[in-house]
Amino acid sequence: MRVVIIAESFLPRVNGVSGSVIRTSRHLLSQGHHVEIIAPSPSPRETPDGVRVHSVRSFSVPGMGIDVGYACTSTIRDILRHVRPDVVHLASPLVLGYQALRAATMECIPTVAVFQTDISGFARHYRLTGLGGLSDAVLRRIHAEADLTLVPSTASREYLQTLGVRRLAIWGRGVDADQFDPRRRSPELRTRWLRSQPDRVLVGYVGRLAPEKRVAALRAFRKDPRVRLVIIGDGPQRVELEKVLTGAHFTGMLRGSDLGTAMASLDILVAPGERETFCQVVQEGMASGLPVVAPDIGGPRDLVVHGEVGLRYPPGDDEGLRECVDALVQSQAARRVMGATARRAVRDRTWTQLGDELIQHYRCLTTTEGTARHSAA
């Protein structure tokens, strides 16, 4: 099978979209399929796996750390005619994705759109109300016209259904249970973080440091003598957060085995963001054997079974967040039981399994029936 992936975000940006594109392309290659990527510049001409990348023009959005790619439909049509793909995969489509959808439709190529980013929610969070409404309209058009839209959670499915999108299927995310494993817990790292106060509980956040992630909600614990805050990640809000979360340990960006070791060395993971379509870091924390505290909204609603693998609180309720963390800080037994249950809940959600599910979705669309429906549209 020949697949062209349209990446709304790609390397060198490291985020959920670029990460999923890399994992998807690697799995497709491992199964003998041909993959090419169209992505915003600056991007590498080749990935480490040898996948060809067609770079298109882009511009950066100030303060948000994202690049928006754009290309005229004719340019994308030329690429599609040259590659002759069986299916076009739209990764978190918006501007570039919409142009690619139009091009694929003109070439009668089936399309799979993957909804990954709550653009409207981000726009409203940054008080760009007009952009939020525009994003809703664009997302409605893209996902209504795509042959199939894959969503990561029931919350995402419900949101797109309110926009009138009907051809939807849930496609979750895998987790690397070897990278994220309780056995990676490091006594040496914990000693360094705890600063000769071994009885403290390590409460951590992992991810991008940006306003929409609501990391500042952890300020209730900055002076708690029972708690040591560990902030793993980097982003535009880091300098501000270092002032707000006085006494917290900031590790900066970690990847690979370093990230796995750091995650497993925590006692509690808090994921306070309220715009998460899935929240991969929750799965990674669970695989690491950690109880998770998260808001009862978006992707975490599916992942965090309240009272079993962690605790959920009402969105926007910082006091509720504090109470959930406090309950786990007070009970080592609860942390151990929930952490073990969390590990069991996700250890079989492999990327290979998710990749095979994606290929099956492709195959359903490339049958005679699927192609005929696309042509009729």
Foldseek 3Di string as FASTA:
>chain_A
DEEEEEQQFAPPDDDDRNVVVVLLVVLCVVVPYAYEYEYEPPDDCADPVGHGYHYAHWDDDPPPPTIGGADALVVLLVVCVVRVGQEYEYGQDFHRSVSNLVSCLVVLHAYEYENFFQQLVVCVVVPVNVVSVVRLVRVLVNQQLHLAYEFAAPQVVVVNVVSVRDRYDYQHAADDLVLAALVLADPVVLCVQCVPPVQAAEEEEADEPHVLQVPLLCLVCLPPPRYAYEYEEYYDCVVVVCVSSPRHHYDYYDDTNVVNRVLSNHLEYEREHARGQAPVVLLSSLSSLWQYEYECHHNVVVQHDDQAQAHYDHRPDSVRSVVRVVVCSVDSPSGNRNSVRSSVVRVPRHSSVSSVVVVVVSVVCSDPVNSVVSNVD
